[in-house]
Amino acid sequence: GEAQRISWEGQQNQNACVSPDGQFLVMVGTQNGEQHLVRLDLKTHETRVMTDTLLDETPTIAPNGSMIMYSSAQGTGSVLRLISADGRFRAMLPADDAQLSSPAWSPYL
């Protein structure tokens, strides 16, 4: 079919990733110069900012839809972070001062 815009929220939205079940998508939303992960419910079109970390980028959703991995600025580099699809669980993956971006999940999760 023909492409349709589904969100008018935020100044800029990018790097969208649709959940495996097609119920939601996660994107990087820019508002007032800050980039955060935003979850968009594809049924209700409601949006929710999920993160408060700095310069969030490249979200990817686990094959089972339960977790989202993304890169985020920290110090002079970037780190990989996890957040559950419902936003309740958050973690940072261990890393030294590096430039980490564009994470990918194993298909066996």
PDB file of N, CA and C in Angstrom:
ATOM      1  N   GLY A   1       0.805  -1.181   0.000  1.00  0.00           N
ATOM      2  CA  GLY A   1       0.000   0.000   0.000  1.00  0.00           C
ATOM      3  C   GLY A   1       0.854   1.253   0.000  1.00  0.00           C
ATOM      4  N   GLU A   2       0.165   2.329   0.083  1.00  0.00           N
ATOM      5  CA  GLU A   2       0.792   3.646   0.062  1.00  0.00           C
ATOM      6  C   GLU A   2       1.272   4.035   1.460  1.00  0.00           C
ATOM      7  N   ALA A   3       2.435   4.647   1.542  1.00  0.00           N
ATOM      8  CA  ALA A   3       2.993   5.079   2.829  1.00  0.00           C
ATOM      9  C   ALA A   3       2.133   6.185   3.427  1.00  0.00           C
ATOM     10  N   GLN A   4       1.940   6.124   4.758  1.00  0.00           N
ATOM     11  CA  GLN A   4       1.182   7.138   5.482  1.00  0.00           C
ATOM     12  C   GLN A   4       1.957   7.566   6.711  1.00  0.00           C
ATOM     13  N   ARG A   5       1.935   8.844   6.991  1.00  0.00           N
ATOM     14  CA  ARG A   5       2.568   9.350   8.209  1.00  0.00           C
ATOM     15  C   ARG A   5       1.692   8.961   9.393  1.00  0.00           C
ATOM     16  N   ILE A   6       2.315   8.436  10.459  1.00  0.00           N
ATOM     17  CA  ILE A   6       1.522   7.988  11.604  1.00  0.00           C
ATOM     18  C   ILE A   6       1.754   8.818  12.858  1.00  0.00           C
ATOM     19  N   SER A   7       2.713   9.731  12.836  1.00  0.00           N
ATOM     20  CA  SER A   7       2.959  10.554  14.018  1.00  0.00           C
ATOM     21  C   SER A   7       3.332  11.974  13.613  1.00  0.00           C
ATOM     22  N   TRP A   8       2.757  12.926  14.306  1.00  0.00           N
ATOM     23  CA  TRP A   8       3.104  14.335  14.135  1.00  0.00           C
ATOM     24  C   TRP A   8       3.785  14.854  15.394  1.00  0.00           C
ATOM     25  N   GLU A   9       4.149  13.973  16.316  1.00  0.00           N
ATOM     26  CA  GLU A   9       4.784  14.346  17.571  1.00  0.00           C
ATOM     27  C   GLU A   9       6.263  14.631  17.359  1.00  0.00           C
ATOM     28  N   GLY A  10       6.809  15.578  18.129  1.00  0.00           N
ATOM     29  CA  GLY A  10       8.245  15.847  18.109  1.00  0.00           C
ATOM     30  C   GLY A  10       8.673  16.687  16.925  1.00  0.00           C
ATOM     31  N   GLN A  11       9.888  17.213  17.020  1.00  0.00           N
ATOM     32  CA  GLN A  11      10.441  18.034  15.948  1.00  0.00           C
ATOM     33  C   GLN A  11      11.021  17.169  14.837  1.00  0.00           C
ATOM     34  N   GLN A  12      11.522  15.996  15.207  1.00  0.00           N
ATOM     35  CA  GLN A  12      12.101  15.076  14.228  1.00  0.00           C
ATOM     36  C   GLN A  12      12.027  13.672  14.806  1.00  0.00           C
ATOM     37  N   ASN A  13      11.605  12.714  14.004  1.00  0.00           N
ATOM     38  CA  ASN A  13      11.564  11.312  14.407  1.00  0.00           C
ATOM     39  C   ASN A  13      12.384  10.512  13.404  1.00  0.00           C
ATOM     40  N   GLN A  14      13.185   9.568  13.918  1.00  0.00           N
ATOM     41  CA  GLN A  14      14.065   8.796  13.036  1.00  0.00           C
ATOM     42  C   GLN A  14      14.359   7.438  13.638  1.00  0.00           C
ATOM     43  N   ASN A  15      14.988   6.589  12.854  1.00  0.00           N
ATOM     44  CA  ASN A  15      15.429   5.260  13.287  1.00  0.00           C
ATOM     45  C   ASN A  15      14.306   4.425  13.880  1.00  0.00           C
ATOM     46  N   ALA A  16      13.144   4.414  13.247  1.00  0.00           N
ATOM     47  CA  ALA A  16      12.008   3.644  13.758  1.00  0.00           C
ATOM     48  C   ALA A  16      12.259   2.147  13.630  1.00  0.00           C
ATOM     49  N   CYS A  17      11.799   1.411  14.634  1.00  0.00           N
ATOM     50  CA  CYS A  17      11.904  -0.042  14.657  1.00  0.00           C
ATOM     51  C   CYS A  17      10.550  -0.581  15.121  1.00  0.00           C
ATOM     52  N   VAL A  18       9.910  -1.407  14.298  1.00  0.00           N
ATOM     53  CA  VAL A  18       8.584  -1.948  14.614  1.00  0.00           C
ATOM     54  C   VAL A  18       8.747  -3.240  15.405  1.00  0.00           C
ATOM     55  N   SER A  19       7.910  -3.414  16.435  1.00  0.00           N
ATOM     56  CA  SER A  19       7.956  -4.623  17.256  1.00  0.00           C
ATOM     57  C   SER A  19       7.580  -5.841  16.415  1.00  0.00           C
ATOM     58  N   PRO A  20       8.092  -7.021  16.786  1.00  0.00           N
ATOM     59  CA  PRO A  20       7.798  -8.234  16.014  1.00  0.00           C
ATOM     60  C   PRO A  20       6.301  -8.536  15.894  1.00  0.00           C
ATOM     61  N   ASP A  21       5.511  -8.158  16.898  1.00  0.00           N
ATOM     62  CA  ASP A  21       4.066  -8.415  16.840  1.00  0.00           C
ATOM     63  C   ASP A  21       3.288  -7.293  16.156  1.00  0.00           C
ATOM     64  N   GLY A  22       3.985  -6.225  15.739  1.00  0.00           N
ATOM     65  CA  GLY A  22       3.343  -5.125  15.036  1.00  0.00           C
ATOM     66  C   GLY A  22       2.476  -4.227  15.903  1.00  0.00           C
ATOM     67  N   GLN A  23       2.591  -4.335  17.233  1.00  0.00           N
ATOM     68  CA  GLN A  23       1.759  -3.552  18.142  1.00  0.00           C
ATOM     69  C   GLN A  23       2.303  -2.151  18.410  1.00  0.00           C
ATOM     70  N   PHE A  24       3.619  -1.979  18.327  1.00  0.00           N
ATOM     71  CA  PHE A  24       4.222  -0.677  18.617  1.00  0.00           C
ATOM     72  C   PHE A  24       5.494  -0.501  17.812  1.00  0.00           C
ATOM     73  N   LEU A  25       5.964   0.736  17.782  1.00  0.00           N
ATOM     74  CA  LEU A  25       7.292   0.983  17.239  1.00  0.00           C
ATOM     75  C   LEU A  25       8.039   1.876  18.212  1.00  0.00           C
ATOM     76  N   VAL A  26       9.349   1.803  18.137  1.00  0.00           N
ATOM     77  CA  VAL A  26      10.221   2.645  18.941  1.00  0.00           C
ATOM     78  C   VAL A  26      11.049   3.460  17.959  1.00  0.00           C
ATOM     79  N   MET A  27      11.188   4.744  18.250  1.00  0.00           N
ATOM     80  CA  MET A  27      11.943   5.634  17.377  1.00  0.00           C
ATOM     81  C   MET A  27      12.746   6.604  18.221  1.00  0.00           C
ATOM     82  N   VAL A  28      13.671   7.281  17.589  1.00  0.00           N
ATOM     83  CA  VAL A  28      14.395   8.366  18.242  1.00  0.00           C
ATOM     84  C   VAL A  28      13.615   9.637  17.944  1.00  0.00           C
ATOM     85  N   GLY A  29      13.128  10.268  18.993  1.00  0.00           N
ATOM     86  CA  GLY A  29      12.382  11.508  18.846  1.00  0.00           C
ATOM     87  C   GLY A  29      13.205  12.678  19.350  1.00  0.00           C
ATOM     88  N   THR A  30      13.266  13.745  18.564  1.00  0.00           N
ATOM     89  CA  THR A  30      14.012  14.937  18.956  1.00  0.00           C
ATOM     90  C   THR A  30      13.039  16.024  19.362  1.00  0.00           C
ATOM     91  N   GLN A  31      13.234  16.536  20.561  1.00  0.00           N
ATOM     92  CA  GLN A  31      12.400  17.612  21.094  1.00  0.00           C
ATOM     93  C   GLN A  31      13.309  18.558  21.858  1.00  0.00           C
ATOM     94  N   ASN A  32      13.300  19.829  21.517  1.00  0.00           N
ATOM     95  CA  ASN A  32      14.135  20.833  22.182  1.00  0.00           C
ATOM     96  C   ASN A  32      15.615  20.460  22.165  1.00  0.00           C
ATOM     97  N   GLY A  33      16.073  19.878  21.070  1.00  0.00           N
ATOM     98  CA  GLY A  33      17.478  19.539  20.910  1.00  0.00           C
ATOM     99  C   GLY A  33      17.923  18.270  21.609  1.00  0.00           C
ATOM    100  N   GLU A  34      17.019  17.564  22.276  1.00  0.00           N
ATOM    101  CA  GLU A  34      17.361  16.319  22.969  1.00  0.00           C
ATOM    102  C   GLU A  34      16.782  15.128  22.221  1.00  0.00           C
ATOM    103  N   GLN A  35      17.571  14.052  22.129  1.00  0.00           N
ATOM    104  CA  GLN A  35      17.135  12.825  21.467  1.00  0.00           C
ATOM    105  C   GLN A  35      16.839  11.759  22.508  1.00  0.00           C
ATOM    106  N   HIS A  36      15.613  11.276  22.518  1.00  0.00           N
ATOM    107  CA  HIS A  36      15.199  10.221  23.440  1.00  0.00           C
ATOM    108  C   HIS A  36      14.432   9.151  22.682  1.00  0.00           C
ATOM    109  N   LEU A  37      14.346   7.953  23.260  1.00  0.00           N
ATOM    110  CA  LEU A  37      13.520   6.913  22.663  1.00  0.00           C
ATOM    111  C   LEU A  37      12.062   7.218  22.952  1.00  0.00           C
ATOM    112  N   VAL A  38      11.243   7.066  21.926  1.00  0.00           N
ATOM    113  CA  VAL A  38       9.809   7.294  22.040  1.00  0.00           C
ATOM    114  C   VAL A  38       9.104   6.035  21.557  1.00  0.00           C
ATOM    115  N   ARG A  39       8.135   5.579  22.334  1.00  0.00           N
ATOM    116  CA  ARG A  39       7.325   4.423  21.951  1.00  0.00           C
ATOM    117  C   ARG A  39       6.006   4.930  21.386  1.00  0.00           C
ATOM    118  N   LEU A  40       5.626   4.404  20.236  1.00  0.00           N
ATOM    119  CA  LEU A  40       4.370   4.768  19.589  1.00  0.00           C
ATOM    120  C   LEU A  40       3.498   3.526  19.492  1.00  0.00           C
ATOM    121  N   ASP A  41       2.335   3.557  20.145  1.00  0.00           N
ATOM    122  CA  ASP A  41       1.364   2.470  20.055  1.00  0.00           C
ATOM    123  C   ASP A  41       0.717   2.561  18.673  1.00  0.00           C
ATOM    124  N   LEU A  42       0.832   1.514  17.873  1.00  0.00           N
ATOM    125  CA  LEU A  42       0.350   1.572  16.498  1.00  0.00           C
ATOM    126  C   LEU A  42      -1.167   1.443  16.389  1.00  0.00           C
ATOM    127  N   LYS A  43      -1.824   1.064  17.476  1.00  0.00           N
ATOM    128  CA  LYS A  43      -3.288   0.985  17.469  1.00  0.00           C
ATOM    129  C   LYS A  43      -3.907   2.313  17.897  1.00  0.00           C
ATOM    130  N   THR A  44      -3.411   2.872  19.009  1.00  0.00           N
ATOM    131  CA  THR A  44      -3.998   4.100  19.566  1.00  0.00           C
ATOM    132  C   THR A  44      -3.279   5.364  19.099  1.00  0.00           C
ATOM    133  N   HIS A  45      -2.077   5.217  18.555  1.00  0.00           N
ATOM    134  CA  HIS A  45      -1.195   6.314  18.126  1.00  0.00           C
ATOM    135  C   HIS A  45      -0.725   7.176  19.301  1.00  0.00           C
ATOM    136  N   GLU A  46      -0.821   6.651  20.519  1.00  0.00           N
ATOM    137  CA  GLU A  46      -0.295   7.358  21.690  1.00  0.00           C
ATOM    138  C   GLU A  46       1.219   7.206  21.725  1.00  0.00           C
ATOM    139  N   THR A  47       1.907   8.289  22.102  1.00  0.00           N
ATOM    140  CA  THR A  47       3.361   8.246  22.228  1.00  0.00           C
ATOM    141  C   THR A  47       3.762   8.405  23.689  1.00  0.00           C
ATOM    142  N   ARG A  48       4.928   7.826  24.015  1.00  0.00           N
ATOM    143  CA  ARG A  48       5.468   7.947  25.366  1.00  0.00           C
ATOM    144  C   ARG A  48       6.985   8.007  25.272  1.00  0.00           C
ATOM    145  N   VAL A  49       7.580   9.044  25.853  1.00  0.00           N
ATOM    146  CA  VAL A  49       9.039   9.131  25.932  1.00  0.00           C
ATOM    147  C   VAL A  49       9.499   8.084  26.938  1.00  0.00           C
ATOM    148  N   MET A  50      10.432   7.231  26.527  1.00  0.00           N
ATOM    149  CA  MET A  50      10.858   6.110  27.368  1.00  0.00           C
ATOM    150  C   MET A  50      12.159   6.356  28.110  1.00  0.00           C
ATOM    151  N   THR A  51      12.997   7.266  27.629  1.00  0.00           N
ATOM    152  CA  THR A  51      14.329   7.429  28.210  1.00  0.00           C
ATOM    153  C   THR A  51      14.586   8.871  28.619  1.00  0.00           C
ATOM    154  N   ASP A  52      15.554   9.016  29.518  1.00  0.00           N
ATOM    155  CA  ASP A  52      16.010  10.348  29.911  1.00  0.00           C
ATOM    156  C   ASP A  52      17.531  10.442  29.782  1.00  0.00           C
ATOM    157  N   THR A  53      18.108   9.512  29.026  1.00  0.00           N
ATOM    158  CA  THR A  53      19.549   9.509  28.798  1.00  0.00           C
ATOM    159  C   THR A  53      19.883  10.486  27.669  1.00  0.00           C
ATOM    160  N   LEU A  54      21.166  10.695  27.432  1.00  0.00           N
ATOM    161  CA  LEU A  54      21.617  11.729  26.505  1.00  0.00           C
ATOM    162  C   LEU A  54      21.881  11.169  25.108  1.00  0.00           C
ATOM    163  N   LEU A  55      21.373  11.831  24.101  1.00  0.00           N
ATOM    164  CA  LEU A  55      21.615  11.495  22.695  1.00  0.00           C
ATOM    165  C   LEU A  55      21.383  10.014  22.395  1.00  0.00           C
ATOM    166  N   ASP A  56      20.174   9.560  22.609  1.00  0.00           N
ATOM    167  CA  ASP A  56      19.819   8.171  22.321  1.00  0.00           C
ATOM    168  C   ASP A  56      19.737   7.954  20.814  1.00  0.00           C
ATOM    169  N   GLU A  57      20.197   6.783  20.362  1.00  0.00           N
ATOM    170  CA  GLU A  57      20.237   6.485  18.930  1.00  0.00           C
ATOM    171  C   GLU A  57      19.985   5.004  18.683  1.00  0.00           C
ATOM    172  N   THR A  58      19.699   4.672  17.458  1.00  0.00           N
ATOM    173  CA  THR A  58      19.650   3.332  16.870  1.00  0.00           C
ATOM    174  C   THR A  58      18.955   2.265  17.725  1.00  0.00           C
ATOM    175  N   PRO A  59      17.672   2.455  18.061  1.00  0.00           N
ATOM    176  CA  PRO A  59      16.981   1.420  18.834  1.00  0.00           C
ATOM    177  C   PRO A  59      16.720   0.169  17.999  1.00  0.00           C
ATOM    178  N   THR A  60      16.764  -0.971  18.655  1.00  0.00           N
ATOM    179  CA  THR A  60      16.417  -2.238  18.023  1.00  0.00           C
ATOM    180  C   THR A  60      15.664  -3.082  19.046  1.00  0.00           C
ATOM    181  N   ILE A  61      14.617  -3.731  18.601  1.00  0.00           N
ATOM    182  CA  ILE A  61      13.742  -4.495  19.489  1.00  0.00           C
ATOM    183  C   ILE A  61      14.119  -5.968  19.405  1.00  0.00           C
ATOM    184  N   ALA A  62      14.179  -6.635  20.566  1.00  0.00           N
ATOM    185  CA  ALA A  62      14.503  -8.059  20.621  1.00  0.00           C
ATOM    186  C   ALA A  62      13.479  -8.864  19.818  1.00  0.00           C
ATOM    187  N   PRO A  63      13.899  -9.996  19.248  1.00  0.00           N
ATOM    188  CA  PRO A  63      12.976 -10.815  18.461  1.00  0.00           C
ATOM    189  C   PRO A  63      11.712 -11.232  19.218  1.00  0.00           C
ATOM    190  N   ASN A  64      11.796 -11.355  20.550  1.00  0.00           N
ATOM    191  CA  ASN A  64      10.599 -11.711  21.323  1.00  0.00           C
ATOM    192  C   ASN A  64       9.803 -10.480  21.759  1.00  0.00           C
ATOM    193  N   GLY A  65      10.274  -9.279  21.403  1.00  0.00           N
ATOM    194  CA  GLY A  65       9.550  -8.039  21.679  1.00  0.00           C
ATOM    195  C   GLY A  65       9.637  -7.522  23.097  1.00  0.00           C
ATOM    196  N   SER A  66      10.408  -8.184  23.959  1.00  0.00           N
ATOM    197  CA  SER A  66      10.416  -7.821  25.379  1.00  0.00           C
ATOM    198  C   SER A  66      11.400  -6.709  25.744  1.00  0.00           C
ATOM    199  N   MET A  67      12.477  -6.557  24.985  1.00  0.00           N
ATOM    200  CA  MET A  67      13.520  -5.597  25.326  1.00  0.00           C
ATOM    201  C   MET A  67      13.898  -4.749  24.115  1.00  0.00           C
ATOM    202  N   ILE A  68      14.407  -3.552  24.424  1.00  0.00           N
ATOM    203  CA  ILE A  68      14.898  -2.631  23.404  1.00  0.00           C
ATOM    204  C   ILE A  68      16.346  -2.304  23.754  1.00  0.00           C
ATOM    205  N   MET A  69      17.236  -2.421  22.787  1.00  0.00           N
ATOM    206  CA  MET A  69      18.633  -2.060  22.981  1.00  0.00           C
ATOM    207  C   MET A  69      18.903  -0.819  22.129  1.00  0.00           C
ATOM    208  N   TYR A  70      19.703   0.104  22.661  1.00  0.00           N
ATOM    209  CA  TYR A  70      20.006   1.340  21.939  1.00  0.00           C
ATOM    210  C   TYR A  70      21.343   1.887  22.399  1.00  0.00           C
ATOM    211  N   SER A  71      21.903   2.795  21.620  1.00  0.00           N
ATOM    212  CA  SER A  71      23.143   3.451  22.031  1.00  0.00           C
ATOM    213  C   SER A  71      22.809   4.824  22.595  1.00  0.00           C
ATOM    214  N   SER A  72      23.666   5.278  23.504  1.00  0.00           N
ATOM    215  CA  SER A  72      23.442   6.545  24.186  1.00  0.00           C
ATOM    216  C   SER A  72      24.791   7.176  24.515  1.00  0.00           C
ATOM    217  N   ALA A  73      24.870   8.486  24.402  1.00  0.00           N
ATOM    218  CA  ALA A  73      26.123   9.185  24.697  1.00  0.00           C
ATOM    219  C   ALA A  73      26.456   9.085  26.179  1.00  0.00           C
ATOM    220  N   GLN A  74      27.750   8.902  26.450  1.00  0.00           N
ATOM    221  CA  GLN A  74      28.239   8.912  27.828  1.00  0.00           C
ATOM    222  C   GLN A  74      29.704   9.313  27.794  1.00  0.00           C
ATOM    223  N   GLY A  75      30.037  10.359  28.512  1.00  0.00           N
ATOM    224  CA  GLY A  75      31.411  10.860  28.505  1.00  0.00           C
ATOM    225  C   GLY A  75      31.793  11.293  27.102  1.00  0.00           C
ATOM    226  N   THR A  76      32.959  10.830  26.643  1.00  0.00           N
ATOM    227  CA  THR A  76      33.392  11.171  25.289  1.00  0.00           C
ATOM    228  C   THR A  76      33.028  10.086  24.283  1.00  0.00           C
ATOM    229  N   GLY A  77      32.290   9.088  24.718  1.00  0.00           N
ATOM    230  CA  GLY A  77      31.908   7.988  23.836  1.00  0.00           C
ATOM    231  C   GLY A  77      30.428   7.703  23.913  1.00  0.00           C
ATOM    232  N   SER A  78      30.100   6.456  23.663  1.00  0.00           N
ATOM    233  CA  SER A  78      28.712   6.028  23.770  1.00  0.00           C
ATOM    234  C   SER A  78      28.675   4.613  24.333  1.00  0.00           C
ATOM    235  N   VAL A  79      27.550   4.256  24.917  1.00  0.00           N
ATOM    236  CA  VAL A  79      27.357   2.946  25.530  1.00  0.00           C
ATOM    237  C   VAL A  79      26.080   2.330  24.974  1.00  0.00           C
ATOM    238  N   LEU A  80      25.937   1.025  25.183  1.00  0.00           N
ATOM    239  CA  LEU A  80      24.697   0.350  24.829  1.00  0.00           C
ATOM    240  C   LEU A  80      23.853   0.204  26.082  1.00  0.00           C
ATOM    241  N   ARG A  81      22.580   0.482  25.936  1.00  0.00           N
ATOM    242  CA  ARG A  81      21.645   0.394  27.051  1.00  0.00           C
ATOM    243  C   ARG A  81      20.480  -0.503  26.669  1.00  0.00           C
ATOM    244  N   LEU A  82      19.833  -1.043  27.696  1.00  0.00           N
ATOM    245  CA  LEU A  82      18.635  -1.863  27.539  1.00  0.00           C
ATOM    246  C   LEU A  82      17.487  -1.211  28.280  1.00  0.00           C
ATOM    247  N   ILE A  83      16.295  -1.345  27.735  1.00  0.00           N
ATOM    248  CA  ILE A  83      15.082  -0.939  28.425  1.00  0.00           C
ATOM    249  C   ILE A  83      14.003  -1.935  28.022  1.00  0.00           C
ATOM    250  N   SER A  84      13.191  -2.347  28.989  1.00  0.00           N
ATOM    251  CA  SER A  84      12.109  -3.271  28.656  1.00  0.00           C
ATOM    252  C   SER A  84      11.067  -2.549  27.814  1.00  0.00           C
ATOM    253  N   ALA A  85      10.308  -3.299  27.046  1.00  0.00           N
ATOM    254  CA  ALA A  85       9.311  -2.712  26.148  1.00  0.00           C
ATOM    255  C   ALA A  85       8.259  -1.915  26.908  1.00  0.00           C
ATOM    256  N   ASP A  86       8.042  -2.257  28.182  1.00  0.00           N
ATOM    257  CA  ASP A  86       7.081  -1.491  28.987  1.00  0.00           C
ATOM    258  C   ASP A  86       7.753  -0.357  29.762  1.00  0.00           C
ATOM    259  N   GLY A  87       9.082  -0.248  29.664  1.00  0.00           N
ATOM    260  CA  GLY A  87       9.823   0.841  30.295  1.00  0.00           C
ATOM    261  C   GLY A  87      10.176   0.642  31.753  1.00  0.00           C
ATOM    262  N   ARG A  88       9.833  -0.500  32.341  1.00  0.00           N
ATOM    263  CA  ARG A  88      10.073  -0.710  33.780  1.00  0.00           C
ATOM    264  C   ARG A  88      11.511  -1.092  34.120  1.00  0.00           C
ATOM    265  N   PHE A  89      12.175  -1.842  33.257  1.00  0.00           N
ATOM    266  CA  PHE A  89      13.537  -2.311  33.519  1.00  0.00           C
ATOM    267  C   PHE A  89      14.514  -1.535  32.647  1.00  0.00           C
ATOM    268  N   ARG A  90      15.632  -1.107  33.254  1.00  0.00           N
ATOM    269  CA  ARG A  90      16.680  -0.384  32.522  1.00  0.00           C
ATOM    270  C   ARG A  90      18.048  -0.901  32.953  1.00  0.00           C
ATOM    271  N   ALA A  91      18.966  -0.983  32.006  1.00  0.00           N
ATOM    272  CA  ALA A  91      20.327  -1.418  32.325  1.00  0.00           C
ATOM    273  C   ALA A  91      21.295  -0.854  31.290  1.00  0.00           C
ATOM    274  N   MET A  92      22.550  -0.725  31.702  1.00  0.00           N
ATOM    275  CA  MET A  92      23.614  -0.325  30.789  1.00  0.00           C
ATOM    276  C   MET A  92      24.555  -1.507  30.631  1.00  0.00           C
ATOM    277  N   LEU A  93      24.922  -1.834  29.412  1.00  0.00           N
ATOM    278  CA  LEU A  93      25.859  -2.923  29.178  1.00  0.00           C
ATOM    279  C   LEU A  93      27.271  -2.428  29.458  1.00  0.00           C
ATOM    280  N   PRO A  94      28.102  -3.258  30.094  1.00  0.00           N
ATOM    281  CA  PRO A  94      29.460  -2.835  30.434  1.00  0.00           C
ATOM    282  C   PRO A  94      30.269  -2.491  29.183  1.00  0.00           C
ATOM    283  N   ALA A  95      30.991  -1.373  29.259  1.00  0.00           N
ATOM    284  CA  ALA A  95      31.857  -0.963  28.144  1.00  0.00           C
ATOM    285  C   ALA A  95      32.844   0.079  28.641  1.00  0.00           C
ATOM    286  N   ASP A  96      34.030   0.066  28.058  1.00  0.00           N
ATOM    287  CA  ASP A  96      34.992   1.130  28.314  1.00  0.00           C
ATOM    288  C   ASP A  96      34.639   2.303  27.415  1.00  0.00           C
ATOM    289  N   ASP A  97      35.375   3.378  27.530  1.00  0.00           N
ATOM    290  CA  ASP A  97      35.119   4.584  26.743  1.00  0.00           C
ATOM    291  C   ASP A  97      35.249   4.255  25.254  1.00  0.00           C
ATOM    292  N   ALA A  98      34.125   3.975  24.614  1.00  0.00           N
ATOM    293  CA  ALA A  98      34.122   3.537  23.217  1.00  0.00           C
ATOM    294  C   ALA A  98      33.032   4.263  22.445  1.00  0.00           C
ATOM    295  N   GLN A  99      32.995   4.043  21.161  1.00  0.00           N
ATOM    296  CA  GLN A  99      31.933   4.562  20.297  1.00  0.00           C
ATOM    297  C   GLN A  99      31.100   3.369  19.843  1.00  0.00           C
ATOM    298  N   LEU A 100      30.017   3.101  20.536  1.00  0.00           N
ATOM    299  CA  LEU A 100      29.163   1.957  20.227  1.00  0.00           C
ATOM    300  C   LEU A 100      27.875   2.448  19.589  1.00  0.00           C
ATOM    301  N   SER A 101      27.448   1.767  18.533  1.00  0.00           N
ATOM    302  CA  SER A 101      26.249   2.198  17.825  1.00  0.00           C
ATOM    303  C   SER A 101      25.664   1.029  17.044  1.00  0.00           C
ATOM    304  N   SER A 102      24.414   1.149  16.673  1.00  0.00           N
ATOM    305  CA  SER A 102      23.710   0.181  15.822  1.00  0.00           C
ATOM    306  C   SER A 102      23.775  -1.243  16.363  1.00  0.00           C
ATOM    307  N   PRO A 103      23.276  -1.474  17.581  1.00  0.00           N
ATOM    308  CA  PRO A 103      23.289  -2.824  18.141  1.00  0.00           C
ATOM    309  C   PRO A 103      22.348  -3.752  17.371  1.00  0.00           C
ATOM    310  N   ALA A 104      22.591  -5.052  17.486  1.00  0.00           N
ATOM    311  CA  ALA A 104      21.743  -6.059  16.840  1.00  0.00           C
ATOM    312  C   ALA A 104      21.524  -7.211  17.808  1.00  0.00           C
ATOM    313  N   TRP A 105      20.363  -7.836  17.728  1.00  0.00           N
ATOM    314  CA  TRP A 105      20.015  -8.973  18.579  1.00  0.00           C
ATOM    315  C   TRP A 105      20.317 -10.278  17.859  1.00  0.00           C
ATOM    316  N   SER A 106      20.609 -11.307  18.627  1.00  0.00           N
ATOM    317  CA  SER A 106      20.698 -12.650  18.081  1.00  0.00           C
ATOM    318  C   SER A 106      19.283 -13.112  17.739  1.00  0.00           C
ATOM    319  N   PRO A 107      19.104 -13.830  16.644  1.00  0.00           N
ATOM    320  CA  PRO A 107      17.758 -14.302  16.311  1.00  0.00           C
ATOM    321  C   PRO A 107      17.265 -15.401  17.246  1.00  0.00           C
ATOM    322  N   TYR A 108      18.107 -15.868  18.156  1.00  0.00           N
ATOM    323  CA  TYR A 108      17.739 -16.974  19.035  1.00  0.00           C
ATOM    324  C   TYR A 108      17.159 -16.535  20.362  1.00  0.00           C
ATOM    325  N   LEU A 109      16.943 -15.243  20.559  1.00  0.00           N
ATOM    326  CA  LEU A 109      16.393 -14.765  21.823  1.00  0.00           C
ATOM    327  C   LEU A 109      14.910 -15.022  21.890  1.00  0.00           C
TER     328      LEU A 109
END
